[in-house]
Amino acid sequence: DYNLKDSFIESLPNALILKDKLIAKLRIQDEEPYDILDALSKRKYFNNLIPSSIYLMFNTGKLIEGTVRKNGRRNFIHSFATYDMATNRPVIYVLDFEYSNSEEKLNKRNPDFIKYSNILENVSMGSKKPYDMVAFMDQELEWFHPKLLKKYDIGPLFGIYSKDEHAFTKFHKKHKLNNDHFIVYYEEEIVASVGEEQFKSKWLSSKVPLQKWHIDKNDPECAKRKVSKLNKYLIAPHQVVQLLLDDAKMSKIISPLRDNIVAI
């Protein structure tokens, strides 16, 4: 819709003209002038489409330059986000990496940044495994050295509008909670580098050192997801948390999250 914003607004009458027509119509007829109201609402909708307030399929986020490491590489922290249509949920990433190609600013005018951004968008669309993302980029970009990637999968959100059969939805209806009484669940996946090594095999060898990723094989779920650490959290208002803990069935369900429950 944002890409069509200008053409749609140009096709609609001026807002002042529409308002004058609306007043004139209301004076001479009892029926609602739906065509005028529709045009006004469309103008309002398209005028409110501001890039900074739109959550896109891929959101570039913010790139922060840190210090120069002992190895001479510059350090960067990049926060960005995607939207996973399969789950209808936002996914937020925080990436810590080192850059070793040049002393130029890593911005939109830098060819390296353009290449980095294009690959990052392609590998992160939807909800991808953090390990697959950084391992691929590590091999594709010689001057890109990822050190840590955190992935935050936000949701699901349970509240007054939930229509599923989840235990949290049933709990919300059972206690007749209002719109302010929500329950948000989210996961944090972390994949961390523990060093670099020259990759060699019978068929392939790397020209530059690649990252050695720590995968917690002692944790079955971490091993399955190929992550160093996995944290699960639940956020809810204080009153809702108390009700959850007082409910025997719900207390059993949230017991694995007991140390990661955030009451606000």
Protein backbone atom coordinates (compact mmCIF):
# COMPACT_ATOMS: atom_id res chain seq x y z
CA ASP A 1 0.00 0.00 0.00
CA TYR A 2 2.84 2.39 0.80
CA ASN A 3 4.27 1.97 -2.71
CA LEU A 4 0.86 2.93 -4.14
CA LYS A 5 0.32 5.79 -1.68
CA ASP A 6 0.99 8.74 -4.02
CA SER A 7 -1.08 7.40 -6.92
CA PHE A 8 -4.04 6.60 -4.63
CA ILE A 9 -4.01 10.05 -3.01
CA GLU A 10 -3.84 11.74 -6.42
CA SER A 11 -6.88 9.77 -7.56
CA LEU A 12 -8.96 10.97 -4.61
CA PRO A 13 -10.58 14.41 -4.29
CA ASN A 14 -9.05 16.99 -1.97
CA ALA A 15 -9.93 16.45 1.70
CA LEU A 16 -11.53 19.92 2.05
CA ILE A 17 -13.72 19.29 -1.00
CA LEU A 18 -14.79 15.94 0.40
CA LYS A 19 -15.67 17.52 3.76
CA ASP A 20 -17.76 20.25 2.06
CA LYS A 21 -19.59 17.57 0.04
CA LEU A 22 -20.17 15.56 3.21
CA ILE A 23 -21.74 18.51 5.04
CA ALA A 24 -23.90 19.35 2.02
CA LYS A 25 -25.11 15.75 1.70
CA LEU A 26 -25.95 15.47 5.39
CA ARG A 27 -28.10 18.62 5.15
CA ILE A 28 -30.33 17.31 2.36
CA GLN A 29 -30.54 13.54 3.01
CA ASP A 30 -30.95 11.15 5.92
CA GLU A 31 -28.85 8.33 4.48
CA GLU A 32 -25.16 8.09 5.25
CA PRO A 33 -23.04 9.31 2.27
CA TYR A 34 -20.90 6.15 2.26
CA ASP A 35 -19.03 7.04 -0.94
CA ILE A 36 -17.74 10.31 0.56
CA LEU A 37 -16.93 8.70 3.91
CA ASP A 38 -15.08 5.93 2.07
CA ALA A 39 -12.97 8.46 0.14
CA LEU A 40 -12.17 10.40 3.35
CA SER A 41 -11.17 7.25 5.21
CA LYS A 42 -8.91 6.18 2.32
CA ARG A 43 -7.19 9.59 2.28
CA LYS A 44 -6.67 9.34 6.04
CA TYR A 45 -5.30 5.81 5.75
CA PHE A 46 -2.81 6.58 2.98
CA ASN A 47 -1.65 9.84 4.61
CA ASN A 48 -0.85 7.86 7.77
CA LEU A 49 1.41 5.45 5.89
CA ILE A 50 4.76 6.77 7.15
CA PRO A 51 7.84 4.58 6.56
CA SER A 52 9.11 4.95 10.13
CA SER A 53 5.84 3.61 11.54
CA ILE A 54 5.39 0.66 9.15
CA TYR A 55 6.58 -2.80 10.12
CA LEU A 56 7.71 -4.36 6.85
CA MET A 57 8.62 -7.92 5.89
CA PHE A 58 12.25 -6.83 6.41
CA ASN A 59 13.17 -3.83 8.57
CA THR A 60 16.75 -2.58 8.21
CA GLY A 61 16.93 -1.37 11.79
CA LYS A 62 20.01 0.35 13.20
CA LEU A 63 23.72 -0.23 12.68
CA ILE A 64 25.99 0.94 15.51
CA GLU A 65 29.78 1.10 15.13
CA GLY A 66 31.73 0.00 18.17
CA THR A 67 35.44 -0.07 18.90
CA VAL A 68 38.38 -1.35 16.90
CA ARG A 69 39.33 -4.83 18.11
CA LYS A 70 42.88 -5.96 18.84
CA ASN A 71 42.96 -7.75 15.48
CA GLY A 72 42.39 -4.41 13.72
CA ARG A 73 38.83 -5.17 12.70
CA ARG A 74 36.03 -2.74 13.37
CA ASN A 75 33.14 -3.99 15.49
CA PHE A 76 29.46 -3.38 14.67
CA ILE A 77 26.14 -4.12 16.35
CA HIS A 78 23.19 -4.38 13.97
CA SER A 79 19.58 -4.70 15.13
CA PHE A 80 17.02 -5.56 12.46
CA ALA A 81 13.67 -7.29 12.21
CA THR A 82 11.49 -9.42 9.94
CA TYR A 83 7.86 -10.46 9.83
CA ASP A 84 7.03 -14.16 9.69
CA MET A 85 3.83 -14.61 7.69
CA ALA A 86 3.61 -18.31 8.59
CA THR A 87 3.12 -17.51 12.29
CA ASN A 88 1.88 -13.91 11.89
CA ARG A 89 4.57 -12.74 14.31
CA PRO A 90 7.49 -10.27 14.38
CA VAL A 91 11.05 -11.55 14.71
CA ILE A 92 13.84 -9.32 16.03
CA TYR A 93 17.58 -9.92 15.60
CA VAL A 94 20.70 -8.45 17.20
CA LEU A 95 23.92 -9.20 15.30
CA ASP A 96 27.46 -8.59 16.56
CA PHE A 97 30.09 -8.76 13.81
CA GLU A 98 33.56 -7.58 12.80
CA TYR A 99 34.37 -5.85 9.50
CA SER A 100 37.84 -6.15 7.97
CA ASN A 101 37.68 -4.77 4.43
CA SER A 102 38.27 -1.01 4.54
CA GLU A 103 38.28 2.08 6.73
CA GLU A 104 35.34 3.62 4.86
CA LYS A 105 32.08 4.12 6.70
CA LEU A 106 29.81 1.10 6.53
CA ASN A 107 26.73 2.89 5.19
CA LYS A 108 24.38 2.92 2.19
CA ARG A 109 27.12 4.38 -0.06
CA ASN A 110 29.54 1.58 0.73
CA PRO A 111 29.33 -1.32 -1.81
CA ASP A 112 30.13 -3.77 1.00
CA PHE A 113 27.15 -2.56 3.01
CA ILE A 114 24.86 -2.89 -0.01
CA LYS A 115 26.01 -6.47 -0.58
CA TYR A 116 25.72 -7.24 3.13
CA SER A 117 22.19 -5.80 3.32
CA ASN A 118 20.98 -7.71 0.25
CA ILE A 119 22.27 -11.03 1.53
CA LEU A 120 20.99 -10.34 5.05
CA GLU A 121 17.49 -9.61 3.76
CA ASN A 122 17.47 -12.80 1.69
CA VAL A 123 18.68 -15.11 4.47
CA SER A 124 16.50 -13.63 7.23
CA MET A 125 13.10 -13.27 5.54
CA GLY A 126 10.40 -14.91 7.62
CA SER A 127 11.85 -16.81 10.55
CA LYS A 128 15.15 -18.57 9.83
CA LYS A 129 17.53 -20.51 12.05
CA PRO A 130 20.22 -18.14 13.41
CA TYR A 131 22.97 -20.68 12.71
CA ASP A 132 22.00 -21.04 9.05
CA MET A 133 21.94 -17.26 8.64
CA VAL A 134 25.36 -16.43 10.08
CA ALA A 135 27.12 -19.55 8.77
CA PHE A 136 25.99 -18.74 5.22
CA MET A 137 26.98 -15.08 5.45
CA ASP A 138 30.32 -16.01 7.02
CA GLN A 139 31.15 -18.07 3.92
CA GLU A 140 29.75 -15.58 1.40
CA LEU A 141 31.46 -12.39 2.66
CA GLU A 142 35.22 -12.57 3.22
CA TRP A 143 35.29 -9.32 5.21
CA PHE A 144 32.28 -10.20 7.38
CA HIS A 145 33.08 -11.99 10.65
CA PRO A 146 29.93 -12.70 12.74
CA LYS A 147 30.53 -13.24 16.45
CA LEU A 148 27.07 -13.39 17.99
CA LEU A 149 23.48 -13.48 16.77
CA LYS A 150 20.43 -13.23 19.01
CA LYS A 151 17.00 -14.00 17.63
CA TYR A 152 13.82 -12.96 19.44
CA ASP A 153 10.65 -14.69 18.25
CA ILE A 154 7.86 -12.53 19.69
CA GLY A 155 4.59 -14.28 20.37
CA PRO A 156 2.08 -15.63 20.45
CA LEU A 157 0.04 -12.96 22.22
CA PHE A 158 -2.99 -14.11 24.19
CA GLY A 159 -5.76 -11.75 25.21
CA ILE A 160 -9.37 -10.74 24.85
CA TYR A 161 -9.29 -11.18 21.06
CA SER A 162 -7.72 -14.67 21.03
CA LYS A 163 -9.93 -17.21 19.26
CA ASP A 164 -7.86 -20.40 19.49
CA GLU A 165 -8.15 -23.30 21.93
CA HIS A 166 -4.83 -22.67 23.68
CA ALA A 167 -4.77 -23.09 27.46
CA PHE A 168 -3.89 -19.38 27.87
CA THR A 169 -6.92 -18.35 25.79
CA LYS A 170 -9.23 -20.55 27.84
CA PHE A 171 -7.66 -19.18 31.03
CA HIS A 172 -8.29 -15.60 29.85
CA LYS A 173 -11.96 -16.34 29.16
CA LYS A 174 -12.40 -18.31 32.38
CA HIS A 175 -11.31 -15.35 34.51
CA LYS A 176 -13.11 -12.81 32.28
CA LEU A 177 -9.97 -10.71 31.97
CA ASN A 178 -10.10 -7.40 30.10
CA ASN A 179 -8.09 -5.95 27.23
CA ASP A 180 -5.21 -4.89 29.52
CA HIS A 181 -4.73 -8.42 30.81
CA PHE A 182 -2.54 -10.04 28.16
CA ILE A 183 -0.01 -12.86 28.09
CA VAL A 184 2.99 -12.65 25.74
CA TYR A 185 5.33 -15.54 25.11
CA TYR A 186 8.69 -15.14 23.38
CA GLU A 187 11.88 -17.08 22.76
CA GLU A 188 15.50 -16.00 22.60
CA GLU A 189 17.88 -18.10 20.48
CA ILE A 190 21.60 -17.34 20.72
CA VAL A 191 24.38 -18.60 18.49
CA ALA A 192 27.92 -17.58 19.47
CA SER A 193 31.34 -17.95 17.91
CA VAL A 194 34.13 -19.38 20.07
CA GLY A 195 36.93 -18.63 17.63
CA GLU A 196 38.01 -18.94 14.01
CA GLU A 197 39.65 -21.68 11.98
CA GLN A 198 40.76 -22.35 8.41
CA PHE A 199 38.14 -24.65 7.02
CA LYS A 200 39.45 -27.58 4.98
CA SER A 201 37.86 -30.71 3.58
CA LYS A 202 38.41 -33.16 0.77
CA TRP A 203 36.48 -30.96 -1.64
CA LEU A 204 36.56 -27.44 -0.24
CA SER A 205 38.84 -25.05 1.61
CA SER A 206 38.26 -21.49 2.82
CA LYS A 207 40.50 -18.61 1.82
CA VAL A 208 39.81 -16.82 5.09
CA PRO A 209 39.17 -18.18 8.59
CA LEU A 210 35.56 -19.13 9.32
CA GLN A 211 33.79 -19.04 12.66
CA LYS A 212 33.67 -22.00 15.02
CA TRP A 213 30.14 -22.00 16.40
CA HIS A 214 29.30 -23.31 19.84
CA ILE A 215 26.29 -25.62 19.75
CA ASP A 216 25.08 -26.91 23.11
CA LYS A 217 24.77 -30.62 22.29
CA ASN A 218 23.98 -31.45 25.91
CA ASP A 219 20.61 -29.75 25.48
CA PRO A 220 18.46 -31.72 22.97
CA GLU A 221 16.47 -28.65 21.93
CA CYS A 222 19.61 -26.51 21.48
CA ALA A 223 21.23 -29.30 19.48
CA LYS A 224 18.14 -29.58 17.26
CA ARG A 225 18.01 -25.84 16.62
CA LYS A 226 21.82 -25.51 16.33
CA VAL A 227 22.08 -22.79 18.96
CA SER A 228 24.43 -22.03 21.83
CA LYS A 229 21.61 -21.13 24.20
CA LEU A 230 17.81 -21.06 24.24
CA ASN A 231 15.71 -18.97 26.63
CA LYS A 232 11.92 -18.86 26.87
CA TYR A 233 10.03 -16.01 28.53
CA LEU A 234 6.50 -15.09 29.52
CA ILE A 235 5.38 -11.49 30.06
CA ALA A 236 2.10 -10.50 31.68
CA PRO A 237 0.66 -7.92 34.09
CA HIS A 238 1.28 -8.67 37.76
CA GLN A 239 -2.37 -9.58 38.39
CA VAL A 240 -2.37 -12.12 35.55
CA VAL A 241 0.88 -13.70 36.77
CA GLN A 242 -0.65 -14.13 40.23
CA LEU A 243 -3.74 -15.78 38.74
CA LEU A 244 -1.57 -18.11 36.66
CA LEU A 245 0.46 -19.17 39.68
CA ASP A 246 -2.66 -19.70 41.81
CA ASP A 247 -4.26 -21.90 39.14
CA ALA A 248 -2.99 -25.49 39.59
CA LYS A 249 -3.33 -26.41 35.90
CA MET A 250 -1.75 -23.21 34.60
CA SER A 251 0.99 -23.27 37.22
CA LYS A 252 2.02 -26.70 35.91
CA ILE A 253 2.02 -25.43 32.30
CA ILE A 254 4.23 -22.42 33.08
CA SER A 255 6.51 -24.22 35.55
CA PRO A 256 9.35 -24.56 32.95
CA LEU A 257 9.22 -20.76 32.58
CA ARG A 258 9.06 -19.98 36.30
CA ASP A 259 12.51 -18.35 36.35
CA ASN A 260 11.73 -16.34 33.19
CA ILE A 261 8.31 -14.88 34.02
CA VAL A 262 8.25 -11.10 33.80
CA ALA A 263 5.45 -9.36 35.71
CA ILE A 264 4.84 -5.77 34.64
